[in-house]
Amino acid sequence: MMHREFLASPVGVITIEASELGVTRISLGKPPTDAPMPSDITGMGRQQLEAYFAGERTRFDLPLDLHGTTFQRKVWSCLCAIPFGEVRSYGDIAAMIDNPKAVRAVGAANGRNPVAIVVPCHRVIGGDGTLTGFAAGIERKSWLLAHEGVAVKPVRRRRVFDAADLGQGNLFGD
């Protein structure tokens, strides 16, 4: 049986899901569609997340029941080693797993992390120090890092075309 509990937080509604073995998923900002079915494990998750948001907890001590590839689990384990208030780059994580060329694969594994905040994928940033991808949105990632006292560079924005380009003929130079 899958258990679930919801928590209103500064980053939106958090859904905590757990099996009998441990927390299986923590998702941010998705409104609940199912009725709560709390358990001791989801209750522990809720209490620890409340303490995190209150500034009273910097580490989590929850049983986890995570399913992923061997590579993903290796990455997620490295994420748990990033201390509160610190960040690492995707390249740093790739080096930690002794696979320095696997930067993109690390990014993909980071994006598949099912347990946001507790497995702190929000603490991974671009190699140039800017915020990059976060399944729950860059704004939430920025908030979580600021909550932990981390100053980061603004979000990188790519120029696709400028308003001045409009009306100047074909944008593709034909």
C-alpha atoms as a PDB file:
ATOM      1  CA  MET A   1       0.000   0.000   0.000  1.00  0.00           C
ATOM      2  CA  MET A   2       1.260   3.467  -0.886  1.00  0.00           C
ATOM      3  CA  HIS A   3       0.915   6.134   1.775  1.00  0.00           C
ATOM      4  CA  ARG A   4       0.850   9.865   1.127  1.00  0.00           C
ATOM      5  CA  GLU A   5       0.747  13.070   3.076  1.00  0.00           C
ATOM      6  CA  PHE A   6       0.722  16.723   2.063  1.00  0.00           C
ATOM      7  CA  LEU A   7       2.521  19.730   3.468  1.00  0.00           C
ATOM      8  CA  ALA A   8       1.947  23.417   2.723  1.00  0.00           C
ATOM      9  CA  SER A   9       5.393  25.000   2.417  1.00  0.00           C
ATOM     10  CA  PRO A  10       7.035  28.224   1.232  1.00  0.00           C
ATOM     11  CA  VAL A  11       7.709  26.503  -2.122  1.00  0.00           C
ATOM     12  CA  GLY A  12       4.142  25.258  -2.554  1.00  0.00           C
ATOM     13  CA  VAL A  13       2.385  22.040  -1.701  1.00  0.00           C
ATOM     14  CA  ILE A  14       4.719  19.139  -1.018  1.00  0.00           C
ATOM     15  CA  THR A  15       3.524  15.579  -1.497  1.00  0.00           C
ATOM     16  CA  ILE A  16       5.298  12.900   0.529  1.00  0.00           C
ATOM     17  CA  GLU A  17       4.752   9.316  -0.609  1.00  0.00           C
ATOM     18  CA  ALA A  18       6.020   6.191   1.106  1.00  0.00           C
ATOM     19  CA  SER A  19       5.898   2.425   0.944  1.00  0.00           C
ATOM     20  CA  GLU A  20       6.151   0.244   4.033  1.00  0.00           C
ATOM     21  CA  LEU A  21       9.956   0.421   3.589  1.00  0.00           C
ATOM     22  CA  GLY A  22      10.523   4.160   3.249  1.00  0.00           C
ATOM     23  CA  VAL A  23       9.875   7.401   1.409  1.00  0.00           C
ATOM     24  CA  THR A  24       9.488   6.770  -2.321  1.00  0.00           C
ATOM     25  CA  ARG A  25       8.712  10.267  -3.607  1.00  0.00           C
ATOM     26  CA  ILE A  26       8.688  13.887  -2.487  1.00  0.00           C
ATOM     27  CA  SER A  27       7.298  16.219  -5.112  1.00  0.00           C
ATOM     28  CA  LEU A  28       6.942  19.985  -5.038  1.00  0.00           C
ATOM     29  CA  GLY A  29       4.180  22.245  -6.246  1.00  0.00           C
ATOM     30  CA  LYS A  30       1.800  19.634  -7.583  1.00  0.00           C
ATOM     31  CA  PRO A  31      -1.657  20.054  -6.084  1.00  0.00           C
ATOM     32  CA  PRO A  32      -2.958  16.908  -4.407  1.00  0.00           C
ATOM     33  CA  THR A  33      -5.346  14.819  -6.474  1.00  0.00           C
ATOM     34  CA  ASP A  34      -5.610  11.891  -4.073  1.00  0.00           C
ATOM     35  CA  ALA A  35      -6.787  11.710  -0.487  1.00  0.00           C
ATOM     36  CA  PRO A  36      -4.092  11.651   2.185  1.00  0.00           C
ATOM     37  CA  MET A  37      -3.212   8.214   3.537  1.00  0.00           C
ATOM     38  CA  PRO A  38      -0.609   9.011   6.197  1.00  0.00           C
ATOM     39  CA  SER A  39       1.772   6.555   7.816  1.00  0.00           C
ATOM     40  CA  ASP A  40       4.503   6.802  10.413  1.00  0.00           C
ATOM     41  CA  ILE A  41       7.033   7.259   7.596  1.00  0.00           C
ATOM     42  CA  THR A  42       5.126  10.057   5.814  1.00  0.00           C
ATOM     43  CA  GLY A  43       4.615  11.694   9.221  1.00  0.00           C
ATOM     44  CA  MET A  44       8.370  11.615   9.859  1.00  0.00           C
ATOM     45  CA  GLY A  45       8.917  13.156   6.437  1.00  0.00           C
ATOM     46  CA  ARG A  46       6.401  15.917   7.114  1.00  0.00           C
ATOM     47  CA  GLN A  47       7.939  16.696  10.525  1.00  0.00           C
ATOM     48  CA  GLN A  48      11.484  16.801   9.154  1.00  0.00           C
ATOM     49  CA  LEU A  49      10.481  19.001   6.206  1.00  0.00           C
ATOM     50  CA  GLU A  50       8.622  21.378   8.554  1.00  0.00           C
ATOM     51  CA  ALA A  51      11.788  21.629  10.670  1.00  0.00           C
ATOM     52  CA  TYR A  52      13.877  22.259   7.517  1.00  0.00           C
ATOM     53  CA  PHE A  53      11.619  25.131   6.447  1.00  0.00           C
ATOM     54  CA  ALA A  54      11.642  26.524  10.010  1.00  0.00           C
ATOM     55  CA  GLY A  55      15.456  26.625   9.881  1.00  0.00           C
ATOM     56  CA  GLU A  56      15.742  23.934  12.566  1.00  0.00           C
ATOM     57  CA  ARG A  57      17.058  21.037  10.436  1.00  0.00           C
ATOM     58  CA  THR A  58      19.943  20.809   7.984  1.00  0.00           C
ATOM     59  CA  ARG A  59      20.037  17.007   7.484  1.00  0.00           C
ATOM     60  CA  PHE A  60      17.359  14.403   6.976  1.00  0.00           C
ATOM     61  CA  ASP A  61      17.150  11.039   8.655  1.00  0.00           C
ATOM     62  CA  LEU A  62      14.406   9.186   6.821  1.00  0.00           C
ATOM     63  CA  PRO A  63      14.146   5.648   5.547  1.00  0.00           C
ATOM     64  CA  LEU A  64      14.170   5.797   1.749  1.00  0.00           C
ATOM     65  CA  ASP A  65      12.795   3.280  -0.725  1.00  0.00           C
ATOM     66  CA  LEU A  66      14.281   4.535  -3.990  1.00  0.00           C
ATOM     67  CA  HIS A  67      14.182   2.725  -7.299  1.00  0.00           C
ATOM     68  CA  GLY A  68      16.518   3.651 -10.132  1.00  0.00           C
ATOM     69  CA  THR A  69      19.413   2.401 -12.180  1.00  0.00           C
ATOM     70  CA  THR A  70      22.742   1.670 -10.530  1.00  0.00           C
ATOM     71  CA  PHE A  71      24.086   4.893 -12.062  1.00  0.00           C
ATOM     72  CA  GLN A  72      21.153   6.979 -10.774  1.00  0.00           C
ATOM     73  CA  ARG A  73      21.480   5.545  -7.275  1.00  0.00           C
ATOM     74  CA  LYS A  74      25.213   6.340  -7.300  1.00  0.00           C
ATOM     75  CA  VAL A  75      24.443   9.956  -8.258  1.00  0.00           C
ATOM     76  CA  TRP A  76      21.686  10.256  -5.642  1.00  0.00           C
ATOM     77  CA  SER A  77      24.075   8.952  -2.997  1.00  0.00           C
ATOM     78  CA  CYS A  78      26.573  11.690  -3.941  1.00  0.00           C
ATOM     79  CA  LEU A  79      23.832  14.312  -3.708  1.00  0.00           C
ATOM     80  CA  CYS A  80      23.214  13.281  -0.101  1.00  0.00           C
ATOM     81  CA  ALA A  81      26.875  14.034   0.651  1.00  0.00           C
ATOM     82  CA  ILE A  82      26.500  17.725  -0.324  1.00  0.00           C
ATOM     83  CA  PRO A  83      26.243  19.626   2.968  1.00  0.00           C
ATOM     84  CA  PHE A  84      23.460  22.089   3.752  1.00  0.00           C
ATOM     85  CA  GLY A  85      24.436  25.536   2.483  1.00  0.00           C
ATOM     86  CA  GLU A  86      26.879  24.262  -0.145  1.00  0.00           C
ATOM     87  CA  VAL A  87      26.595  23.510  -3.847  1.00  0.00           C
ATOM     88  CA  ARG A  88      28.419  21.310  -6.331  1.00  0.00           C
ATOM     89  CA  SER A  89      28.471  21.366 -10.116  1.00  0.00           C
ATOM     90  CA  TYR A  90      27.314  18.526 -12.337  1.00  0.00           C
ATOM     91  CA  GLY A  91      30.996  18.054 -13.196  1.00  0.00           C
ATOM     92  CA  ASP A  92      31.863  17.774  -9.503  1.00  0.00           C
ATOM     93  CA  ILE A  93      29.295  14.998  -9.101  1.00  0.00           C
ATOM     94  CA  ALA A  94      30.616  13.216 -12.208  1.00  0.00           C
ATOM     95  CA  ALA A  95      34.114  13.328 -10.691  1.00  0.00           C
ATOM     96  CA  MET A  96      32.769  12.044  -7.353  1.00  0.00           C
ATOM     97  CA  ILE A  97      31.471   8.911  -9.077  1.00  0.00           C
ATOM     98  CA  ASP A  98      34.793   8.473 -10.938  1.00  0.00           C
ATOM     99  CA  ASN A  99      33.218   9.201 -14.309  1.00  0.00           C
ATOM    100  CA  PRO A 100      34.264  12.800 -15.129  1.00  0.00           C
ATOM    101  CA  LYS A 101      32.888  12.668 -18.679  1.00  0.00           C
ATOM    102  CA  ALA A 102      29.382  11.742 -17.505  1.00  0.00           C
ATOM    103  CA  VAL A 103      28.286  15.321 -16.814  1.00  0.00           C
ATOM    104  CA  ARG A 104      25.119  15.087 -18.941  1.00  0.00           C
ATOM    105  CA  ALA A 105      24.238  11.682 -17.520  1.00  0.00           C
ATOM    106  CA  VAL A 106      24.639  13.148 -14.025  1.00  0.00           C
ATOM    107  CA  GLY A 107      22.244  15.932 -15.033  1.00  0.00           C
ATOM    108  CA  ALA A 108      19.732  13.365 -16.266  1.00  0.00           C
ATOM    109  CA  ALA A 109      20.017  11.319 -13.056  1.00  0.00           C
ATOM    110  CA  ASN A 110      19.681  14.505 -11.025  1.00  0.00           C
ATOM    111  CA  GLY A 111      16.472  15.305 -12.904  1.00  0.00           C
ATOM    112  CA  ARG A 112      15.091  11.825 -12.150  1.00  0.00           C
ATOM    113  CA  ASN A 113      15.624  12.184  -8.387  1.00  0.00           C
ATOM    114  CA  PRO A 114      12.273  11.167  -6.884  1.00  0.00           C
ATOM    115  CA  VAL A 115      12.882  12.629  -3.424  1.00  0.00           C
ATOM    116  CA  ALA A 116      13.313  16.403  -3.733  1.00  0.00           C
ATOM    117  CA  ILE A 117      14.942  18.325  -0.865  1.00  0.00           C
ATOM    118  CA  VAL A 118      15.781  15.169   1.143  1.00  0.00           C
ATOM    119  CA  VAL A 119      18.064  13.983  -1.672  1.00  0.00           C
ATOM    120  CA  PRO A 120      19.242  17.547  -2.349  1.00  0.00           C
ATOM    121  CA  CYS A 121      19.346  17.800  -6.140  1.00  0.00           C
ATOM    122  CA  HIS A 122      18.693  21.542  -5.697  1.00  0.00           C
ATOM    123  CA  ARG A 123      22.309  21.860  -4.493  1.00  0.00           C
ATOM    124  CA  VAL A 124      23.683  21.051  -7.954  1.00  0.00           C
ATOM    125  CA  ILE A 125      24.405  24.016 -10.226  1.00  0.00           C
ATOM    126  CA  GLY A 126      26.059  24.676 -13.563  1.00  0.00           C
ATOM    127  CA  GLY A 127      29.829  24.604 -13.901  1.00  0.00           C
ATOM    128  CA  ASP A 128      29.834  28.385 -14.313  1.00  0.00           C
ATOM    129  CA  GLY A 129      27.985  28.857 -11.013  1.00  0.00           C
ATOM    130  CA  THR A 130      24.566  29.594 -12.491  1.00  0.00           C
ATOM    131  CA  LEU A 131      21.309  27.895 -11.674  1.00  0.00           C
ATOM    132  CA  THR A 132      20.301  25.277 -14.177  1.00  0.00           C
ATOM    133  CA  GLY A 133      17.448  22.777 -14.434  1.00  0.00           C
ATOM    134  CA  PHE A 134      15.222  21.747 -11.573  1.00  0.00           C
ATOM    135  CA  ALA A 135      12.137  19.615 -12.158  1.00  0.00           C
ATOM    136  CA  ALA A 136      10.074  21.765  -9.775  1.00  0.00           C
ATOM    137  CA  GLY A 137      11.209  25.030 -11.407  1.00  0.00           C
ATOM    138  CA  ILE A 138      14.220  27.308 -11.134  1.00  0.00           C
ATOM    139  CA  GLU A 139      12.309  29.687  -8.833  1.00  0.00           C
ATOM    140  CA  ARG A 140      11.907  26.931  -6.249  1.00  0.00           C
ATOM    141  CA  LYS A 141      15.553  25.916  -6.616  1.00  0.00           C
ATOM    142  CA  SER A 142      16.591  29.533  -6.081  1.00  0.00           C
ATOM    143  CA  TRP A 143      14.366  29.800  -2.993  1.00  0.00           C
ATOM    144  CA  LEU A 144      15.736  26.574  -1.475  1.00  0.00           C
ATOM    145  CA  LEU A 145      19.344  27.675  -1.989  1.00  0.00           C
ATOM    146  CA  ALA A 146      18.645  31.143  -0.558  1.00  0.00           C
ATOM    147  CA  HIS A 147      16.974  29.448   2.435  1.00  0.00           C
ATOM    148  CA  GLU A 148      20.234  27.543   2.938  1.00  0.00           C
ATOM    149  CA  GLY A 149      22.268  30.756   2.681  1.00  0.00           C
ATOM    150  CA  VAL A 150      23.740  30.085  -0.759  1.00  0.00           C
ATOM    151  CA  ALA A 151      24.296  33.070  -3.050  1.00  0.00           C
ATOM    152  CA  VAL A 152      24.174  32.005  -6.686  1.00  0.00           C
ATOM    153  CA  LYS A 153      24.506  33.741 -10.006  1.00  0.00           C
ATOM    154  CA  PRO A 154      21.285  34.738 -11.743  1.00  0.00           C
ATOM    155  CA  VAL A 155      19.582  32.250 -14.007  1.00  0.00           C
ATOM    156  CA  ARG A 156      21.293  31.948 -17.358  1.00  0.00           C
ATOM    157  CA  ARG A 157      19.080  33.209 -20.177  1.00  0.00           C
ATOM    158  CA  ARG A 158      19.800  32.433 -23.803  1.00  0.00           C
ATOM    159  CA  ARG A 159      19.146  34.989 -26.513  1.00  0.00           C
ATOM    160  CA  VAL A 160      16.982  33.439 -29.190  1.00  0.00           C
ATOM    161  CA  PHE A 161      16.231  36.671 -31.016  1.00  0.00           C
ATOM    162  CA  ASP A 162      15.781  40.283 -30.067  1.00  0.00           C
ATOM    163  CA  ALA A 163      12.661  42.373 -30.523  1.00  0.00           C
ATOM    164  CA  ALA A 164      14.743  44.558 -32.846  1.00  0.00           C
ATOM    165  CA  ASP A 165      15.060  41.536 -35.145  1.00  0.00           C
ATOM    166  CA  LEU A 166      11.317  41.600 -35.753  1.00  0.00           C
ATOM    167  CA  GLY A 167      10.294  43.339 -38.926  1.00  0.00           C
ATOM    168  CA  GLN A 168      13.860  43.241 -40.264  1.00  0.00           C
ATOM    169  CA  GLY A 169      13.198  40.600 -42.881  1.00  0.00           C
ATOM    170  CA  ASN A 170      13.854  36.936 -42.416  1.00  0.00           C
ATOM    171  CA  LEU A 171      15.308  36.068 -39.015  1.00  0.00           C
ATOM    172  CA  PHE A 172      17.266  33.207 -40.547  1.00  0.00           C
ATOM    173  CA  GLY A 173      19.271  35.366 -42.950  1.00  0.00           C
ATOM    174  CA  ASP A 174      17.753  33.987 -46.157  1.00  0.00           C
END
